[in-house]
PDB file of N, CA and C in Angstrom:
ATOM      1  N   MET A   1       0.834  -1.184   0.000  1.00  0.00           N
ATOM      2  CA  MET A   1       0.000   0.000   0.000  1.00  0.00           C
ATOM      3  C   MET A   1       0.878   1.246   0.000  1.00  0.00           C
ATOM      4  N   ARG A   2       0.626   2.152  -0.889  1.00  0.00           N
ATOM      5  CA  ARG A   2       1.398   3.384  -1.007  1.00  0.00           C
ATOM      6  C   ARG A   2       0.717   4.493  -0.205  1.00  0.00           C
ATOM      7  N   GLU A   3       1.514   5.231   0.569  1.00  0.00           N
ATOM      8  CA  GLU A   3       0.969   6.333   1.354  1.00  0.00           C
ATOM      9  C   GLU A   3       0.723   7.535   0.456  1.00  0.00           C
ATOM     10  N   THR A   4      -0.330   8.293   0.769  1.00  0.00           N
ATOM     11  CA  THR A   4      -0.659   9.497   0.013  1.00  0.00           C
ATOM     12  C   THR A   4      -0.305  10.720   0.850  1.00  0.00           C
ATOM     13  N   TYR A   5       0.446  11.622   0.266  1.00  0.00           N
ATOM     14  CA  TYR A   5       0.852  12.845   0.949  1.00  0.00           C
ATOM     15  C   TYR A   5       0.274  14.058   0.228  1.00  0.00           C
ATOM     16  N   ILE A   6       0.048  15.101   0.974  1.00  0.00           N
ATOM     17  CA  ILE A   6      -0.268  16.397   0.394  1.00  0.00           C
ATOM     18  C   ILE A   6       1.012  17.212   0.459  1.00  0.00           C
ATOM     19  N   ARG A   7       1.483  17.650  -0.700  1.00  0.00           N
ATOM     20  CA  ARG A   7       2.722  18.441  -0.761  1.00  0.00           C
ATOM     21  C   ARG A   7       2.376  19.914  -0.853  1.00  0.00           C
ATOM     22  N   GLY A   8       3.165  20.723  -0.181  1.00  0.00           N
ATOM     23  CA  GLY A   8       2.947  22.158  -0.200  1.00  0.00           C
ATOM     24  C   GLY A   8       4.163  22.892   0.341  1.00  0.00           C
ATOM     25  N   GLN A   9       3.954  24.157   0.681  1.00  0.00           N
ATOM     26  CA  GLN A   9       5.020  24.987   1.212  1.00  0.00           C
ATOM     27  C   GLN A   9       4.652  25.435   2.621  1.00  0.00           C
ATOM     28  N   MET A  10       5.669  25.565   3.449  1.00  0.00           N
ATOM     29  CA  MET A  10       5.502  26.085   4.789  1.00  0.00           C
ATOM     30  C   MET A  10       6.131  27.470   4.812  1.00  0.00           C
ATOM     31  N   GLN A  11       5.323  28.470   5.206  1.00  0.00           N
ATOM     32  CA  GLN A  11       5.782  29.858   5.248  1.00  0.00           C
ATOM     33  C   GLN A  11       5.386  30.474   6.581  1.00  0.00           C
ATOM     34  N   PHE A  12       6.167  31.451   7.027  1.00  0.00           N
ATOM     35  CA  PHE A  12       5.855  32.128   8.285  1.00  0.00           C
ATOM     36  C   PHE A  12       4.859  33.251   8.020  1.00  0.00           C
ATOM     37  N   HIS A  13       3.840  33.338   8.870  1.00  0.00           N
ATOM     38  CA  HIS A  13       2.815  34.381   8.768  1.00  0.00           C
ATOM     39  C   HIS A  13       3.067  35.377   9.903  1.00  0.00           C
ATOM     40  N   ASP A  14       3.487  36.596   9.526  1.00  0.00           N
ATOM     41  CA  ASP A  14       3.891  37.600  10.518  1.00  0.00           C
ATOM     42  C   ASP A  14       2.769  37.993  11.478  1.00  0.00           C
ATOM     43  N   GLU A  15       1.551  38.176  10.975  1.00  0.00           N
ATOM     44  CA  GLU A  15       0.452  38.640  11.834  1.00  0.00           C
ATOM     45  C   GLU A  15       0.109  37.647  12.938  1.00  0.00           C
ATOM     46  N   SER A  16       0.054  36.367  12.607  1.00  0.00           N
ATOM     47  CA  SER A  16      -0.291  35.357  13.608  1.00  0.00           C
ATOM     48  C   SER A  16       0.948  34.829  14.337  1.00  0.00           C
ATOM     49  N   GLU A  17       2.134  35.173  13.826  1.00  0.00           N
ATOM     50  CA  GLU A  17       3.407  34.707  14.372  1.00  0.00           C
ATOM     51  C   GLU A  17       3.486  33.181  14.442  1.00  0.00           C
ATOM     52  N   ARG A  18       2.977  32.539  13.374  1.00  0.00           N
ATOM     53  CA  ARG A  18       3.056  31.084  13.303  1.00  0.00           C
ATOM     54  C   ARG A  18       3.314  30.655  11.861  1.00  0.00           C
ATOM     55  N   TRP A  19       3.757  29.426  11.721  1.00  0.00           N
ATOM     56  CA  TRP A  19       4.004  28.850  10.407  1.00  0.00           C
ATOM     57  C   TRP A  19       2.694  28.373   9.807  1.00  0.00           C
ATOM     58  N   THR A  20       2.575  28.491   8.490  1.00  0.00           N
ATOM     59  CA  THR A  20       1.362  28.074   7.793  1.00  0.00           C
ATOM     60  C   THR A  20       1.733  27.127   6.653  1.00  0.00           C
ATOM     61  N   PHE A  21       0.797  26.224   6.354  1.00  0.00           N
ATOM     62  CA  PHE A  21       0.963  25.238   5.294  1.00  0.00           C
ATOM     63  C   PHE A  21       0.120  25.685   4.106  1.00  0.00           C
ATOM     64  N   HIS A  22       0.753  25.849   2.938  1.00  0.00           N
ATOM     65  CA  HIS A  22       0.089  26.350   1.731  1.00  0.00           C
ATOM     66  C   HIS A  22       0.083  25.273   0.648  1.00  0.00           C
ATOM     67  N   VAL A  23      -1.090  25.067   0.054  1.00  0.00           N
ATOM     68  CA  VAL A  23      -1.224  24.162  -1.084  1.00  0.00           C
ATOM     69  C   VAL A  23      -1.969  24.922  -2.171  1.00  0.00           C
ATOM     70  N   GLY A  24      -1.249  25.249  -3.239  1.00  0.00           N
ATOM     71  CA  GLY A  24      -1.874  25.974  -4.355  1.00  0.00           C
ATOM     72  C   GLY A  24      -2.547  27.248  -3.886  1.00  0.00           C
ATOM     73  N   ASP A  25      -3.781  27.470  -4.349  1.00  0.00           N
ATOM     74  CA  ASP A  25      -4.503  28.694  -3.994  1.00  0.00           C
ATOM     75  C   ASP A  25      -5.507  28.461  -2.858  1.00  0.00           C
ATOM     76  N   ARG A  26      -5.393  27.328  -2.166  1.00  0.00           N
ATOM     77  CA  ARG A  26      -6.272  27.035  -1.030  1.00  0.00           C
ATOM     78  C   ARG A  26      -5.931  27.929   0.162  1.00  0.00           C
ATOM     79  N   GLN A  27      -6.881  28.058   1.077  1.00  0.00           N
ATOM     80  CA  GLN A  27      -6.663  28.803   2.312  1.00  0.00           C
ATOM     81  C   GLN A  27      -5.518  28.156   3.094  1.00  0.00           C
ATOM     82  N   PRO A  28      -4.521  28.934   3.547  1.00  0.00           N
ATOM     83  CA  PRO A  28      -3.419  28.349   4.315  1.00  0.00           C
ATOM     84  C   PRO A  28      -3.914  27.762   5.635  1.00  0.00           C
ATOM     85  N   TYR A  29      -3.240  26.725   6.073  1.00  0.00           N
ATOM     86  CA  TYR A  29      -3.558  26.051   7.321  1.00  0.00           C
ATOM     87  C   TYR A  29      -2.510  26.436   8.358  1.00  0.00           C
ATOM     88  N   GLY A  30      -2.931  26.973   9.506  1.00  0.00           N
ATOM     89  CA  GLY A  30      -2.016  27.355  10.575  1.00  0.00           C
ATOM     90  C   GLY A  30      -1.475  26.145  11.309  1.00  0.00           C
ATOM     91  N   LEU A  31      -0.165  26.078  11.444  1.00  0.00           N
ATOM     92  CA  LEU A  31       0.482  24.961  12.122  1.00  0.00           C
ATOM     93  C   LEU A  31       0.663  25.269  13.613  1.00  0.00           C
ATOM     94  N   HIS A  32       0.746  24.212  14.422  1.00  0.00           N
ATOM     95  CA  HIS A  32       0.858  24.338  15.869  1.00  0.00           C
ATOM     96  C   HIS A  32       1.990  23.467  16.391  1.00  0.00           C
ATOM     97  N   CYS A  33       2.446  23.765  17.597  1.00  0.00           N
ATOM     98  CA  CYS A  33       3.447  22.916  18.251  1.00  0.00           C
ATOM     99  C   CYS A  33       2.946  21.483  18.279  1.00  0.00           C
ATOM    100  N   GLY A  34       3.842  20.570  17.978  1.00  0.00           N
ATOM    101  CA  GLY A  34       3.498  19.159  17.986  1.00  0.00           C
ATOM    102  C   GLY A  34       3.014  18.618  16.660  1.00  0.00           C
ATOM    103  N   ASP A  35       2.747  19.497  15.680  1.00  0.00           N
ATOM    104  CA  ASP A  35       2.308  19.018  14.362  1.00  0.00           C
ATOM    105  C   ASP A  35       3.421  18.204  13.710  1.00  0.00           C
ATOM    106  N   LEU A  36       3.034  17.089  13.118  1.00  0.00           N
ATOM    107  CA  LEU A  36       3.971  16.191  12.444  1.00  0.00           C
ATOM    108  C   LEU A  36       3.858  16.347  10.934  1.00  0.00           C
ATOM    109  N   PHE A  37       4.993  16.354  10.260  1.00  0.00           N
ATOM    110  CA  PHE A  37       5.034  16.432   8.801  1.00  0.00           C
ATOM    111  C   PHE A  37       6.415  16.010   8.352  1.00  0.00           C
ATOM    112  N   GLU A  38       6.665  16.084   7.060  1.00  0.00           N
ATOM    113  CA  GLU A  38       7.983  15.797   6.515  1.00  0.00           C
ATOM    114  C   GLU A  38       8.485  17.049   5.808  1.00  0.00           C
ATOM    115  N   ILE A  39       9.737  17.402   6.065  1.00  0.00           N
ATOM    116  CA  ILE A  39      10.345  18.594   5.468  1.00  0.00           C
ATOM    117  C   ILE A  39      11.427  18.142   4.490  1.00  0.00           C
ATOM    118  N   LYS A  40      11.507  18.848   3.366  1.00  0.00           N
ATOM    119  CA  LYS A  40      12.481  18.475   2.336  1.00  0.00           C
ATOM    120  C   LYS A  40      13.809  19.157   2.615  1.00  0.00           C
ATOM    121  N   ILE A  41      14.836  18.339   2.712  1.00  0.00           N
ATOM    122  CA  ILE A  41      16.209  18.828   2.866  1.00  0.00           C
ATOM    123  C   ILE A  41      17.008  18.162   1.766  1.00  0.00           C
ATOM    124  N   GLY A  42      17.567  18.975   0.887  1.00  0.00           N
ATOM    125  CA  GLY A  42      18.240  18.426  -0.289  1.00  0.00           C
ATOM    126  C   GLY A  42      17.194  17.810  -1.196  1.00  0.00           C
ATOM    127  N   GLU A  43      17.346  16.552  -1.516  1.00  0.00           N
ATOM    128  CA  GLU A  43      16.412  15.853  -2.401  1.00  0.00           C
ATOM    129  C   GLU A  43      15.492  14.898  -1.649  1.00  0.00           C
ATOM    130  N   ARG A  44      15.593  14.855  -0.316  1.00  0.00           N
ATOM    131  CA  ARG A  44      14.816  13.888   0.465  1.00  0.00           C
ATOM    132  C   ARG A  44      13.925  14.576   1.491  1.00  0.00           C
ATOM    133  N   TYR A  45      12.805  13.924   1.786  1.00  0.00           N
ATOM    134  CA  TYR A  45      11.907  14.373   2.849  1.00  0.00           C
ATOM    135  C   TYR A  45      12.262  13.639   4.138  1.00  0.00           C
ATOM    136  N   HIS A  46      12.217  14.367   5.256  1.00  0.00           N
ATOM    137  CA  HIS A  46      12.563  13.812   6.556  1.00  0.00           C
ATOM    138  C   HIS A  46      11.421  14.063   7.535  1.00  0.00           C
ATOM    139  N   PRO A  47      10.970  13.029   8.263  1.00  0.00           N
ATOM    140  CA  PRO A  47       9.906  13.225   9.243  1.00  0.00           C
ATOM    141  C   PRO A  47      10.383  14.115  10.388  1.00  0.00           C
ATOM    142  N   CYS A  48       9.502  15.006  10.845  1.00  0.00           N
ATOM    143  CA  CYS A  48       9.855  15.923  11.916  1.00  0.00           C
ATOM    144  C   CYS A  48       8.597  16.383  12.660  1.00  0.00           C
ATOM    145  N   ARG A  49       8.825  17.131  13.733  1.00  0.00           N
ATOM    146  CA  ARG A  49       7.740  17.681  14.540  1.00  0.00           C
ATOM    147  C   ARG A  49       8.032  19.157  14.781  1.00  0.00           C
ATOM    148  N   LEU A  50       7.036  19.997  14.619  1.00  0.00           N
ATOM    149  CA  LEU A  50       7.170  21.440  14.827  1.00  0.00           C
ATOM    150  C   LEU A  50       7.118  21.746  16.315  1.00  0.00           C
ATOM    151  N   GLU A  51       8.054  22.569  16.794  1.00  0.00           N
ATOM    152  CA  GLU A  51       8.109  22.957  18.205  1.00  0.00           C
ATOM    153  C   GLU A  51       8.484  24.429  18.331  1.00  0.00           C
ATOM    154  N   MET A  52       8.261  24.968  19.541  1.00  0.00           N
ATOM    155  CA  MET A  52       8.557  26.381  19.816  1.00  0.00           C
ATOM    156  C   MET A  52       9.257  26.479  21.161  1.00  0.00           C
ATOM    157  N   ALA A  53      10.378  27.180  21.205  1.00  0.00           N
ATOM    158  CA  ALA A  53      11.065  27.529  22.450  1.00  0.00           C
ATOM    159  C   ALA A  53      11.162  29.050  22.423  1.00  0.00           C
ATOM    160  N   SER A  54      12.364  29.599  22.282  1.00  0.00           N
ATOM    161  CA  SER A  54      12.475  31.048  22.082  1.00  0.00           C
ATOM    162  C   SER A  54      12.127  31.413  20.646  1.00  0.00           C
ATOM    163  N   ASP A  55      12.141  30.424  19.742  1.00  0.00           N
ATOM    164  CA  ASP A  55      11.728  30.589  18.352  1.00  0.00           C
ATOM    165  C   ASP A  55      11.293  29.214  17.835  1.00  0.00           C
ATOM    166  N   TRP A  56      10.760  29.197  16.619  1.00  0.00           N
ATOM    167  CA  TRP A  56      10.255  27.957  16.020  1.00  0.00           C
ATOM    168  C   TRP A  56      11.397  27.094  15.511  1.00  0.00           C
ATOM    169  N   TYR A  57      11.246  25.779  15.657  1.00  0.00           N
ATOM    170  CA  TYR A  57      12.209  24.827  15.132  1.00  0.00           C
ATOM    171  C   TYR A  57      11.487  23.517  14.824  1.00  0.00           C
ATOM    172  N   VAL A  58      12.164  22.638  14.081  1.00  0.00           N
ATOM    173  CA  VAL A  58      11.640  21.294  13.859  1.00  0.00           C
ATOM    174  C   VAL A  58      12.587  20.308  14.535  1.00  0.00           C
ATOM    175  N   LEU A  59      11.987  19.262  15.084  1.00  0.00           N
ATOM    176  CA  LEU A  59      12.719  18.242  15.822  1.00  0.00           C
ATOM    177  C   LEU A  59      12.729  16.957  15.001  1.00  0.00           C
ATOM    178  N   PHE A  60      13.933  16.468  14.734  1.00  0.00           N
ATOM    179  CA  PHE A  60      14.136  15.199  14.042  1.00  0.00           C
ATOM    180  C   PHE A  60      14.568  14.176  15.086  1.00  0.00           C
ATOM    181  N   SER A  61      14.744  12.962  14.665  1.00  0.00           N
ATOM    182  CA  SER A  61      15.291  11.944  15.551  1.00  0.00           C
ATOM    183  C   SER A  61      16.744  12.307  15.864  1.00  0.00           C
ATOM    184  N   GLY A  62      16.989  12.873  17.034  1.00  0.00           N
ATOM    185  CA  GLY A  62      18.347  13.195  17.456  1.00  0.00           C
ATOM    186  C   GLY A  62      18.902  14.519  16.975  1.00  0.00           C
ATOM    187  N   ALA A  63      18.103  15.365  16.334  1.00  0.00           N
ATOM    188  CA  ALA A  63      18.613  16.646  15.840  1.00  0.00           C
ATOM    189  C   ALA A  63      17.487  17.680  15.778  1.00  0.00           C
ATOM    190  N   THR A  64      17.859  18.950  15.761  1.00  0.00           N
ATOM    191  CA  THR A  64      16.887  20.031  15.589  1.00  0.00           C
ATOM    192  C   THR A  64      17.343  20.950  14.462  1.00  0.00           C
ATOM    193  N   LEU A  65      16.376  21.661  13.874  1.00  0.00           N
ATOM    194  CA  LEU A  65      16.653  22.639  12.824  1.00  0.00           C
ATOM    195  C   LEU A  65      15.858  23.888  13.141  1.00  0.00           C
ATOM    196  N   GLN A  66      16.563  25.003  13.378  1.00  0.00           N
ATOM    197  CA  GLN A  66      15.876  26.264  13.621  1.00  0.00           C
ATOM    198  C   GLN A  66      15.334  26.779  12.290  1.00  0.00           C
ATOM    199  N   LEU A  67      14.063  27.163  12.273  1.00  0.00           N
ATOM    200  CA  LEU A  67      13.429  27.654  11.052  1.00  0.00           C
ATOM    201  C   LEU A  67      13.723  29.134  10.871  1.00  0.00           C
ATOM    202  N   ILE A  68      13.985  29.522   9.648  1.00  0.00           N
ATOM    203  CA  ILE A  68      14.263  30.918   9.312  1.00  0.00           C
ATOM    204  C   ILE A  68      12.980  31.523   8.760  1.00  0.00           C
ATOM    205  N   ARG A  69      12.482  32.544   9.415  1.00  0.00           N
ATOM    206  CA  ARG A  69      11.167  33.106   9.093  1.00  0.00           C
ATOM    207  C   ARG A  69      11.042  33.616   7.658  1.00  0.00           C
ATOM    208  N   SER A  70      12.121  34.044   7.062  1.00  0.00           N
ATOM    209  CA  SER A  70      12.066  34.569   5.687  1.00  0.00           C
ATOM    210  C   SER A  70      12.149  33.472   4.626  1.00  0.00           C
ATOM    211  N   GLN A  71      12.331  32.222   5.041  1.00  0.00           N
ATOM    212  CA  GLN A  71      12.459  31.110   4.110  1.00  0.00           C
ATOM    213  C   GLN A  71      11.112  30.418   3.888  1.00  0.00           C
ATOM    214  N   THR A  72      10.992  29.787   2.741  1.00  0.00           N
ATOM    215  CA  THR A  72       9.856  28.906   2.436  1.00  0.00           C
ATOM    216  C   THR A  72      10.404  27.492   2.375  1.00  0.00           C
ATOM    217  N   TYR A  73       9.725  26.568   3.048  1.00  0.00           N
ATOM    218  CA  TYR A  73      10.165  25.178   3.104  1.00  0.00           C
ATOM    219  C   TYR A  73       9.177  24.286   2.358  1.00  0.00           C
ATOM    220  N   GLN A  74       9.707  23.304   1.647  1.00  0.00           N
ATOM    221  CA  GLN A  74       8.868  22.315   0.973  1.00  0.00           C
ATOM    222  C   GLN A  74       8.542  21.227   2.005  1.00  0.00           C
ATOM    223  N   VAL A  75       7.250  20.961   2.181  1.00  0.00           N
ATOM    224  CA  VAL A  75       6.836  19.962   3.164  1.00  0.00           C
ATOM    225  C   VAL A  75       5.741  19.076   2.564  1.00  0.00           C
ATOM    226  N   ARG A  76       5.517  17.963   3.215  1.00  0.00           N
ATOM    227  CA  ARG A  76       4.391  17.105   2.853  1.00  0.00           C
ATOM    228  C   ARG A  76       3.786  16.562   4.130  1.00  0.00           C
ATOM    229  N   MET A  77       2.480  16.395   4.063  1.00  0.00           N
ATOM    230  CA  MET A  77       1.725  15.900   5.222  1.00  0.00           C
ATOM    231  C   MET A  77       0.891  14.715   4.791  1.00  0.00           C
TER     232      MET A  77
END
């Protein structure tokens, strides 16, 4: 059985001060701490969890990545 993912972009929304998930021209979905998804790094997607401390980051198995608010990330859910 093949898993089905929704691919889109993750962008920071300044007014709400949270990351949002965008797919085409659909209404963006606001992300929250603990949300699970896969983020593309290089040519591969890696499972991660969104978290917040002094700023937003994603948590991988044994590693973290601080998110840069001006960047757009390719993700799938």
